[in-house]
PDB file of all heavy atoms in Angstrom:
ATOM      1  N   PRO A   1     115.884 111.724 134.763  1.00  0.00           N
ATOM      2  CA  PRO A   1     116.383 112.456 133.604  1.00  0.00           C
ATOM      3  C   PRO A   1     117.261 111.700 132.617  1.00  0.00           C
ATOM      4  O   PRO A   1     117.117 111.856 131.417  1.00  0.00           O
ATOM      5  CB  PRO A   1     117.279 113.504 134.217  1.00  0.00           C
ATOM      6  CG  PRO A   1     116.677 113.714 135.588  1.00  0.00           C
ATOM      7  CD  PRO A   1     116.300 112.412 136.001  1.00  0.00           C
ATOM      8  N   GLU A   2     117.939 110.750 133.120  1.00  0.00           N
ATOM      9  CA  GLU A   2     118.728 109.730 132.305  1.00  0.00           C
ATOM     10  C   GLU A   2     117.988 108.943 131.494  1.00  0.00           C
ATOM     11  O   GLU A   2     118.236 108.675 130.253  1.00  0.00           O
ATOM     12  CB  GLU A   2     119.767 108.940 133.138  1.00  0.00           C
ATOM     13  CG  GLU A   2     120.729 109.834 133.962  1.00  0.00           C
ATOM     14  CD  GLU A   2     121.636 110.658 132.940  1.00  0.00           C
ATOM     15  OE1 GLU A   2     121.951 110.191 131.818  1.00  0.00           O
ATOM     16  OE2 GLU A   2     121.929 111.832 133.283  1.00  0.00           O
ATOM     17  N   VAL A   3     116.847 108.292 132.058  1.00  0.00           N
ATOM     18  CA  VAL A   3     115.933 107.452 131.319  1.00  0.00           C
ATOM     19  C   VAL A   3     115.245 108.264 130.250  1.00  0.00           C
ATOM     20  O   VAL A   3     115.164 107.812 129.132  1.00  0.00           O
ATOM     21  CB  VAL A   3     115.094 106.728 132.252  1.00  0.00           C
ATOM     22  CG1 VAL A   3     113.970 105.915 131.445  1.00  0.00           C
ATOM     23  CG2 VAL A   3     115.816 105.827 133.150  1.00  0.00           C
ATOM     24  N   LEU A   4     114.730 109.454 130.639  1.00  0.00           N
ATOM     25  CA  LEU A   4     114.085 110.152 129.615  1.00  0.00           C
ATOM     26  C   LEU A   4     115.019 110.610 128.538  1.00  0.00           C
ATOM     27  O   LEU A   4     114.552 110.670 127.369  1.00  0.00           O
ATOM     28  CB  LEU A   4     113.476 111.458 130.327  1.00  0.00           C
ATOM     29  CG  LEU A   4     112.239 111.172 131.279  1.00  0.00           C
ATOM     30  CD1 LEU A   4     111.733 112.491 131.850  1.00  0.00           C
ATOM     31  CD2 LEU A   4     111.107 110.477 130.484  1.00  0.00           C
ATOM     32  N   ARG A   5     116.198 110.868 128.859  1.00  0.00           N
ATOM     33  CA  ARG A   5     117.193 111.245 127.768  1.00  0.00           C
ATOM     34  C   ARG A   5     117.403 110.045 126.772  1.00  0.00           C
ATOM     35  O   ARG A   5     117.470 110.291 125.501  1.00  0.00           O
ATOM     36  CB  ARG A   5     118.570 111.604 128.376  1.00  0.00           C
ATOM     37  CG  ARG A   5     119.604 112.068 127.332  1.00  0.00           C
ATOM     38  CD  ARG A   5     120.864 112.641 128.063  1.00  0.00           C
ATOM     39  NE  ARG A   5     120.511 113.761 128.983  1.00  0.00           N
ATOM     40  CZ  ARG A   5     120.683 113.792 130.280  1.00  0.00           C
ATOM     41  NH1 ARG A   5     121.038 112.508 130.805  1.00  0.00           N
ATOM     42  NH2 ARG A   5     120.377 114.753 131.058  1.00  0.00           N
ATOM     43  N   LEU A   6     117.550 108.802 127.325  1.00  0.00           N
ATOM     44  CA  LEU A   6     117.580 107.723 126.430  1.00  0.00           C
ATOM     45  C   LEU A   6     116.272 107.484 125.558  1.00  0.00           C
ATOM     46  O   LEU A   6     116.378 107.225 124.397  1.00  0.00           O
ATOM     47  CB  LEU A   6     117.821 106.457 127.281  1.00  0.00           C
ATOM     48  CG  LEU A   6     119.221 106.386 127.961  1.00  0.00           C
ATOM     49  CD1 LEU A   6     119.413 105.142 128.840  1.00  0.00           C
ATOM     50  CD2 LEU A   6     120.368 106.447 126.931  1.00  0.00           C
ATOM     51  N   VAL A   7     115.169 107.706 126.232  1.00  0.00           N
ATOM     52  CA  VAL A   7     113.892 107.599 125.437  1.00  0.00           C
ATOM     53  C   VAL A   7     113.807 108.559 124.338  1.00  0.00           C
ATOM     54  O   VAL A   7     113.508 108.340 123.254  1.00  0.00           O
ATOM     55  CB  VAL A   7     112.717 107.715 126.444  1.00  0.00           C
ATOM     56  CG1 VAL A   7     111.456 107.901 125.636  1.00  0.00           C
ATOM     57  CG2 VAL A   7     112.610 106.579 127.424  1.00  0.00           C
ATOM     58  N   ARG A   8     114.299 109.829 124.626  1.00  0.00           N
ATOM     59  CA  ARG A   8     114.147 110.894 123.587  1.00  0.00           C
ATOM     60  C   ARG A   8     115.209 110.698 122.482  1.00  0.00           C
ATOM     61  O   ARG A   8     114.887 111.064 121.356  1.00  0.00           O
ATOM     62  CB  ARG A   8     114.466 112.197 124.301  1.00  0.00           C
ATOM     63  CG  ARG A   8     113.234 112.675 125.155  1.00  0.00           C
ATOM     64  CD  ARG A   8     113.540 113.995 125.886  1.00  0.00           C
ATOM     65  NE  ARG A   8     112.387 114.323 126.746  1.00  0.00           N
ATOM     66  CZ  ARG A   8     112.321 115.534 127.380  1.00  0.00           C
ATOM     67  NH1 ARG A   8     113.423 116.348 127.428  1.00  0.00           N
ATOM     68  NH2 ARG A   8     111.300 115.808 128.074  1.00  0.00           N
ATOM     69  N   ARG A   9     116.208 110.024 122.783  1.00  0.00           N
ATOM     70  CA  ARG A   9     117.202 109.588 121.685  1.00  0.00           C
ATOM     71  C   ARG A   9     116.472 108.624 120.692  1.00  0.00           C
ATOM     72  O   ARG A   9     116.596 108.737 119.498  1.00  0.00           O
ATOM     73  CB  ARG A   9     118.447 109.072 122.233  1.00  0.00           C
ATOM     74  CG  ARG A   9     119.397 110.028 122.867  1.00  0.00           C
ATOM     75  CD  ARG A   9     120.640 109.349 123.382  1.00  0.00           C
ATOM     76  NE  ARG A   9     121.580 110.307 123.921  1.00  0.00           N
ATOM     77  CZ  ARG A   9     122.871 110.026 124.429  1.00  0.00           C
ATOM     78  NH1 ARG A   9     123.233 108.592 124.493  1.00  0.00           N
ATOM     79  NH2 ARG A   9     123.576 110.834 124.990  1.00  0.00           N
ATOM     80  N   LEU A  10     115.863 107.694 121.375  1.00  0.00           N
ATOM     81  CA  LEU A  10     115.108 106.627 120.516  1.00  0.00           C
ATOM     82  C   LEU A  10     114.038 107.345 119.701  1.00  0.00           C
ATOM     83  O   LEU A  10     113.938 107.082 118.509  1.00  0.00           O
ATOM     84  CB  LEU A  10     114.579 105.597 121.354  1.00  0.00           C
ATOM     85  CG  LEU A  10     113.646 104.474 120.709  1.00  0.00           C
ATOM     86  CD1 LEU A  10     114.517 103.819 119.595  1.00  0.00           C
ATOM     87  CD2 LEU A  10     113.081 103.478 121.724  1.00  0.00           C
ATOM     88  N   VAL A  11     113.226 108.164 120.385  1.00  0.00           N
ATOM     89  CA  VAL A  11     112.124 108.833 119.646  1.00  0.00           C
ATOM     90  C   VAL A  11     112.709 109.827 118.692  1.00  0.00           C
ATOM     91  O   VAL A  11     112.109 110.042 117.519  1.00  0.00           O
ATOM     92  CB  VAL A  11     111.264 109.647 120.625  1.00  0.00           C
ATOM     93  CG1 VAL A  11     110.244 110.545 120.009  1.00  0.00           C
ATOM     94  CG2 VAL A  11     110.600 108.594 121.692  1.00  0.00           C
ATOM     95  N   ALA A  12     113.750 110.542 118.951  1.00  0.00           N
ATOM     96  CA  ALA A  12     114.321 111.465 117.916  1.00  0.00           C
ATOM     97  C   ALA A  12     114.855 110.689 116.676  1.00  0.00           C
ATOM     98  O   ALA A  12     114.693 111.180 115.535  1.00  0.00           O
ATOM     99  CB  ALA A  12     115.554 112.136 118.570  1.00  0.00           C
ATOM    100  N   TYR A  13     115.265 109.480 116.916  1.00  0.00           N
ATOM    101  CA  TYR A  13     115.687 108.612 115.701  1.00  0.00           C
ATOM    102  C   TYR A  13     114.472 108.287 114.961  1.00  0.00           C
ATOM    103  O   TYR A  13     114.515 108.321 113.676  1.00  0.00           O
ATOM    104  CB  TYR A  13     116.401 107.290 116.239  1.00  0.00           C
ATOM    105  CG  TYR A  13     116.776 106.325 115.106  1.00  0.00           C
ATOM    106  CD1 TYR A  13     117.757 106.612 114.191  1.00  0.00           C
ATOM    107  CD2 TYR A  13     116.006 105.173 114.916  1.00  0.00           C
ATOM    108  CE1 TYR A  13     117.985 105.705 113.143  1.00  0.00           C
ATOM    109  CE2 TYR A  13     116.152 104.299 113.939  1.00  0.00           C
ATOM    110  CZ  TYR A  13     117.185 104.571 112.983  1.00  0.00           C
ATOM    111  OH  TYR A  13     117.482 103.687 111.955  1.00  0.00           O
ATOM    112  N   GLU A  14     113.365 108.000 115.561  1.00  0.00           N
ATOM    113  CA  GLU A  14     112.157 107.648 114.931  1.00  0.00           C
ATOM    114  C   GLU A  14     111.581 108.835 114.049  1.00  0.00           C
ATOM    115  O   GLU A  14     111.048 108.765 113.000  1.00  0.00           O
ATOM    116  CB  GLU A  14     111.086 107.106 115.907  1.00  0.00           C
ATOM    117  CG  GLU A  14     109.804 106.636 115.258  1.00  0.00           C
ATOM    118  CD  GLU A  14     109.978 105.472 114.260  1.00  0.00           C
ATOM    119  OE1 GLU A  14     110.952 104.766 114.527  1.00  0.00           O
ATOM    120  OE2 GLU A  14     109.001 105.255 113.428  1.00  0.00           O
ATOM    121  N   ARG A  15     111.690 110.028 114.749  1.00  0.00           N
ATOM    122  CA  ARG A  15     111.331 111.260 113.995  1.00  0.00           C
ATOM    123  C   ARG A  15     112.077 111.462 112.741  1.00  0.00           C
ATOM    124  O   ARG A  15     111.571 111.821 111.653  1.00  0.00           O
ATOM    125  CB  ARG A  15     111.579 112.488 114.971  1.00  0.00           C
ATOM    126  CG  ARG A  15     110.447 112.717 116.012  1.00  0.00           C
ATOM    127  CD  ARG A  15     110.610 114.081 116.541  1.00  0.00           C
ATOM    128  NE  ARG A  15     109.633 114.315 117.669  1.00  0.00           N
ATOM    129  CZ  ARG A  15     109.881 114.099 118.962  1.00  0.00           C
ATOM    130  NH1 ARG A  15     111.134 113.638 119.356  1.00  0.00           N
ATOM    131  NH2 ARG A  15     109.054 114.280 119.876  1.00  0.00           N
ATOM    132  N   ARG A  16     113.531 111.317 112.820  1.00  0.00           N
ATOM    133  CA  ARG A  16     114.297 111.481 111.593  1.00  0.00           C
ATOM    134  C   ARG A  16     113.944 110.388 110.544  1.00  0.00           C
ATOM    135  O   ARG A  16     113.765 110.703 109.371  1.00  0.00           O
ATOM    136  CB  ARG A  16     115.678 111.384 111.970  1.00  0.00           C
ATOM    137  CG  ARG A  16     116.278 112.581 112.850  1.00  0.00           C
ATOM    138  CD  ARG A  16     117.760 112.507 112.903  1.00  0.00           C
ATOM    139  NE  ARG A  16     118.273 111.351 113.440  1.00  0.00           N
ATOM    140  CZ  ARG A  16     118.535 111.202 114.726  1.00  0.00           C
ATOM    141  NH1 ARG A  16     118.220 112.073 115.613  1.00  0.00           N
ATOM    142  NH2 ARG A  16     118.944 110.020 115.211  1.00  0.00           N
ATOM    143  N   ARG A  17     113.655 109.226 111.102  1.00  0.00           N
ATOM    144  CA  ARG A  17     113.390 108.108 110.090  1.00  0.00           C
ATOM    145  C   ARG A  17     112.027 108.311 109.452  1.00  0.00           C
ATOM    146  O   ARG A  17     111.974 108.076 108.242  1.00  0.00           O
ATOM    147  CB  ARG A  17     113.434 106.734 110.876  1.00  0.00           C
ATOM    148  CG  ARG A  17     113.598 105.505 110.108  1.00  0.00           C
ATOM    149  CD  ARG A  17     113.854 104.334 110.990  1.00  0.00           C
ATOM    150  NE  ARG A  17     112.622 103.980 111.716  1.00  0.00           N
ATOM    151  CZ  ARG A  17     111.628 103.173 111.330  1.00  0.00           C
ATOM    152  NH1 ARG A  17     111.796 102.505 110.226  1.00  0.00           N
ATOM    153  NH2 ARG A  17     110.607 102.845 112.100  1.00  0.00           N
ATOM    154  N   ALA A  18     110.964 108.625 110.302  1.00  0.00           N
ATOM    155  CA  ALA A  18     109.708 108.751 109.624  1.00  0.00           C
ATOM    156  C   ALA A  18     109.665 110.028 108.659  1.00  0.00           C
ATOM    157  O   ALA A  18     109.064 110.027 107.659  1.00  0.00           O
ATOM    158  CB  ALA A  18     108.655 108.978 110.786  1.00  0.00           C
ATOM    159  N   GLY A  19     110.413 111.125 109.143  1.00  0.00           N
ATOM    160  CA  GLY A  19     110.409 112.256 108.366  1.00  0.00           C
ATOM    161  C   GLY A  19     111.096 112.010 107.050  1.00  0.00           C
ATOM    162  O   GLY A  19     110.614 112.557 105.989  1.00  0.00           O
ATOM    163  N   ALA A  20     112.272 111.266 107.111  1.00  0.00           N
ATOM    164  CA  ALA A  20     112.900 110.997 105.817  1.00  0.00           C
ATOM    165  C   ALA A  20     112.008 110.218 104.795  1.00  0.00           C
ATOM    166  O   ALA A  20     111.996 110.298 103.680  1.00  0.00           O
ATOM    167  CB  ALA A  20     114.231 110.290 106.145  1.00  0.00           C
ATOM    168  N   PHE A  21     111.217 109.173 105.513  1.00  0.00           N
ATOM    169  CA  PHE A  21     110.446 108.303 104.665  1.00  0.00           C
ATOM    170  C   PHE A  21     109.294 109.059 104.032  1.00  0.00           C
ATOM    171  O   PHE A  21     108.925 108.817 102.869  1.00  0.00           O
ATOM    172  CB  PHE A  21     109.897 107.120 105.500  1.00  0.00           C
ATOM    173  CG  PHE A  21     109.112 106.128 104.797  1.00  0.00           C
ATOM    174  CD1 PHE A  21     109.726 105.183 104.062  1.00  0.00           C
ATOM    175  CD2 PHE A  21     107.686 106.253 104.705  1.00  0.00           C
ATOM    176  CE1 PHE A  21     109.015 104.171 103.440  1.00  0.00           C
ATOM    177  CE2 PHE A  21     106.919 105.335 104.014  1.00  0.00           C
ATOM    178  CZ  PHE A  21     107.610 104.243 103.332  1.00  0.00           C
ATOM    179  N   LEU A  22     108.684 109.990 104.754  1.00  0.00           N
ATOM    180  CA  LEU A  22     107.542 110.860 104.239  1.00  0.00           C
ATOM    181  C   LEU A  22     108.129 112.027 103.485  1.00  0.00           C
ATOM    182  O   LEU A  22     107.227 112.761 102.915  1.00  0.00           O
ATOM    183  CB  LEU A  22     106.688 111.194 105.490  1.00  0.00           C
ATOM    184  CG  LEU A  22     106.045 110.109 106.197  1.00  0.00           C
ATOM    185  CD1 LEU A  22     105.271 110.775 107.481  1.00  0.00           C
ATOM    186  CD2 LEU A  22     105.076 109.481 105.272  1.00  0.00           C
ATOM    187  N   GLY A  23     109.369 112.328 103.385  1.00  0.00           N
ATOM    188  CA  GLY A  23     109.889 113.414 102.674  1.00  0.00           C
ATOM    189  C   GLY A  23     109.663 114.726 103.279  1.00  0.00           C
ATOM    190  O   GLY A  23     109.216 115.719 102.836  1.00  0.00           O
ATOM    191  N   GLY A  24     110.020 114.732 104.622  1.00  0.00           N
ATOM    192  CA  GLY A  24     109.967 116.081 105.404  1.00  0.00           C
ATOM    193  C   GLY A  24     110.758 115.926 106.681  1.00  0.00           C
ATOM    194  O   GLY A  24     111.526 115.067 106.875  1.00  0.00           O
ATOM    195  N   THR A  25     110.452 116.757 107.607  1.00  0.00           N
ATOM    196  CA  THR A  25     110.900 116.684 108.956  1.00  0.00           C
ATOM    197  C   THR A  25     109.858 116.764 110.011  1.00  0.00           C
ATOM    198  O   THR A  25     108.759 117.397 109.756  1.00  0.00           O
ATOM    199  CB  THR A  25     111.960 117.869 109.270  1.00  0.00           C
ATOM    200  OG1 THR A  25     111.251 119.093 108.977  1.00  0.00           O
ATOM    201  CG2 THR A  25     113.186 117.795 108.273  1.00  0.00           C
ATOM    202  N   ILE A  26     110.043 116.129 111.126  1.00  0.00           N
ATOM    203  CA  ILE A  26     109.072 116.138 112.190  1.00  0.00           C
ATOM    204  C   ILE A  26     109.737 116.951 113.294  1.00  0.00           C
ATOM    205  O   ILE A  26     110.761 116.500 113.902  1.00  0.00           O
ATOM    206  CB  ILE A  26     108.782 114.697 112.696  1.00  0.00           C
ATOM    207  CG1 ILE A  26     108.217 113.887 111.541  1.00  0.00           C
ATOM    208  CG2 ILE A  26     107.790 114.858 113.874  1.00  0.00           C
ATOM    209  CD1 ILE A  26     107.948 112.437 111.870  1.00  0.00           C
ATOM    210  N   PRO A  27     109.192 118.096 113.715  1.00  0.00           N
ATOM    211  CA  PRO A  27     109.846 119.023 114.699  1.00  0.00           C
ATOM    212  C   PRO A  27     109.644 118.368 116.099  1.00  0.00           C
ATOM    213  O   PRO A  27     108.704 117.562 116.213  1.00  0.00           O
ATOM    214  CB  PRO A  27     109.170 120.276 114.556  1.00  0.00           C
ATOM    215  CG  PRO A  27     107.837 119.998 113.896  1.00  0.00           C
ATOM    216  CD  PRO A  27     108.044 118.712 113.119  1.00  0.00           C
ATOM    217  N   GLU A  28     110.520 118.765 117.004  1.00  0.00           N
ATOM    218  CA  GLU A  28     110.353 118.342 118.408  1.00  0.00           C
ATOM    219  C   GLU A  28     110.304 119.618 119.270  1.00  0.00           C
ATOM    220  O   GLU A  28     110.929 120.653 118.862  1.00  0.00           O
ATOM    221  CB  GLU A  28     111.446 117.352 118.863  1.00  0.00           C
ATOM    222  CG  GLU A  28     112.803 118.045 118.857  1.00  0.00           C
ATOM    223  CD  GLU A  28     113.906 117.093 119.250  1.00  0.00           C
ATOM    224  OE1 GLU A  28     113.870 115.883 118.967  1.00  0.00           O
ATOM    225  OE2 GLU A  28     114.759 117.620 119.973  1.00  0.00           O
ATOM    226  N   ALA A  29     109.520 119.570 120.305  1.00  0.00           N
ATOM    227  CA  ALA A  29     109.387 120.709 121.149  1.00  0.00           C
ATOM    228  C   ALA A  29     109.394 120.275 122.642  1.00  0.00           C
ATOM    229  O   ALA A  29     108.244 119.874 123.121  1.00  0.00           O
ATOM    230  CB  ALA A  29     108.139 121.456 120.806  1.00  0.00           C
TER     231      ALA A  29
END
């Protein structure tokens, strides 16, 4: 769970970064 939590933080940052670059948001589920 701890490793997956760190992975999801990195991926969440990429979602925000890519969404901001493309002019939108990338949802997570």
